[in-house]
Amino acid sequence: QMLIGFTCRVCNERTHHVMSKLAYTKGVVLIQCPGCKNRHLIADNLGWFRDNKTTVEDLVKEKGEAIRK
């Protein structure tokens, strides 16, 4: 099990969700914000949304932001 906590950039609501490590490393993970119902891409290892494998860590690094583990 893995826990992720983040603040939605659409509505600024802080949320925490649990996901399986298998889904994060091998599958696709979308998390829906409980506030605005916006869906956030957390992991895309199957190439559904981008041409290559992508995780939230890659997306944060692209924007030049910090991530804590």
Protein backbone atom coordinates (compact mmCIF):
# COMPACT_ATOMS: atom_id res chain seq x y z
CA GLN A 1 0.00 0.00 0.00
CA MET A 2 1.10 3.56 -0.72
CA LEU A 3 -0.29 6.81 0.68
CA ILE A 4 -0.32 10.05 -1.28
CA GLY A 5 -1.27 13.45 0.06
CA PHE A 6 -1.60 16.53 -2.11
CA THR A 7 -3.38 19.83 -2.49
CA CYS A 8 -5.69 20.16 -5.48
CA ARG A 9 -4.64 23.10 -7.65
CA VAL A 10 -8.21 23.66 -8.83
CA CYS A 11 -9.99 24.06 -5.46
CA ASN A 12 -7.03 24.09 -2.98
CA GLU A 13 -8.47 21.18 -0.97
CA ARG A 14 -5.92 18.99 0.83
CA THR A 15 -6.58 15.27 0.39
CA HIS A 16 -4.97 11.88 1.12
CA HIS A 17 -5.53 8.63 -0.76
CA VAL A 18 -4.26 5.04 -0.56
CA MET A 19 -3.26 3.05 -3.64
CA SER A 20 -1.50 -0.23 -4.27
CA LYS A 21 2.18 -0.21 -5.14
CA LEU A 22 1.43 -2.49 -8.10
CA ALA A 23 -1.02 0.02 -9.58
CA TYR A 24 1.50 2.87 -9.11
CA THR A 25 4.43 0.98 -10.65
CA LYS A 26 2.67 -1.06 -13.38
CA GLY A 27 -0.74 0.48 -14.08
CA VAL A 28 -2.72 3.69 -14.30
CA VAL A 29 -3.77 5.66 -11.20
CA LEU A 30 -6.27 8.53 -11.31
CA ILE A 31 -7.44 10.16 -8.09
CA GLN A 32 -10.63 12.20 -7.93
CA CYS A 33 -10.60 15.30 -5.72
CA PRO A 34 -13.39 15.11 -3.12
CA GLY A 35 -13.90 18.88 -3.35
CA CYS A 36 -14.19 19.76 -7.03
CA LYS A 37 -14.39 16.21 -8.48
CA ASN A 38 -11.43 16.95 -10.77
CA ARG A 39 -9.36 13.87 -11.66
CA HIS A 40 -5.59 13.97 -11.12
CA LEU A 41 -3.17 11.71 -12.99
CA ILE A 42 -0.86 10.02 -10.49
CA ALA A 43 0.69 7.27 -12.63
CA ASP A 44 0.42 6.23 -16.28
CA ASN A 45 2.63 3.21 -16.91
CA LEU A 46 0.51 1.98 -19.82
CA GLY A 47 0.83 5.11 -21.97
CA TRP A 48 -2.87 5.99 -21.95
CA PHE A 49 -2.37 9.74 -21.48
CA ARG A 50 1.21 10.24 -22.71
CA ASP A 51 3.47 8.43 -25.13
CA ASN A 52 5.82 7.20 -22.40
CA LYS A 53 5.51 6.00 -18.82
CA THR A 54 4.76 8.81 -16.40
CA THR A 55 4.35 9.12 -12.64
CA VAL A 56 3.43 12.03 -10.43
CA GLU A 57 7.13 12.31 -9.54
CA ASP A 58 7.99 12.91 -13.21
CA LEU A 59 5.19 15.47 -13.59
CA VAL A 60 6.32 17.42 -10.52
CA LYS A 61 9.95 17.43 -11.68
CA GLU A 62 8.86 18.77 -15.11
CA LYS A 63 7.31 21.77 -13.39
CA GLY A 64 10.43 22.34 -11.28
CA GLU A 65 8.65 21.73 -7.98
CA ALA A 66 9.80 19.76 -4.95
CA ILE A 67 8.46 16.38 -3.86
CA ARG A 68 8.81 14.76 -0.46
CA LYS A 69 8.96 11.00 0.09
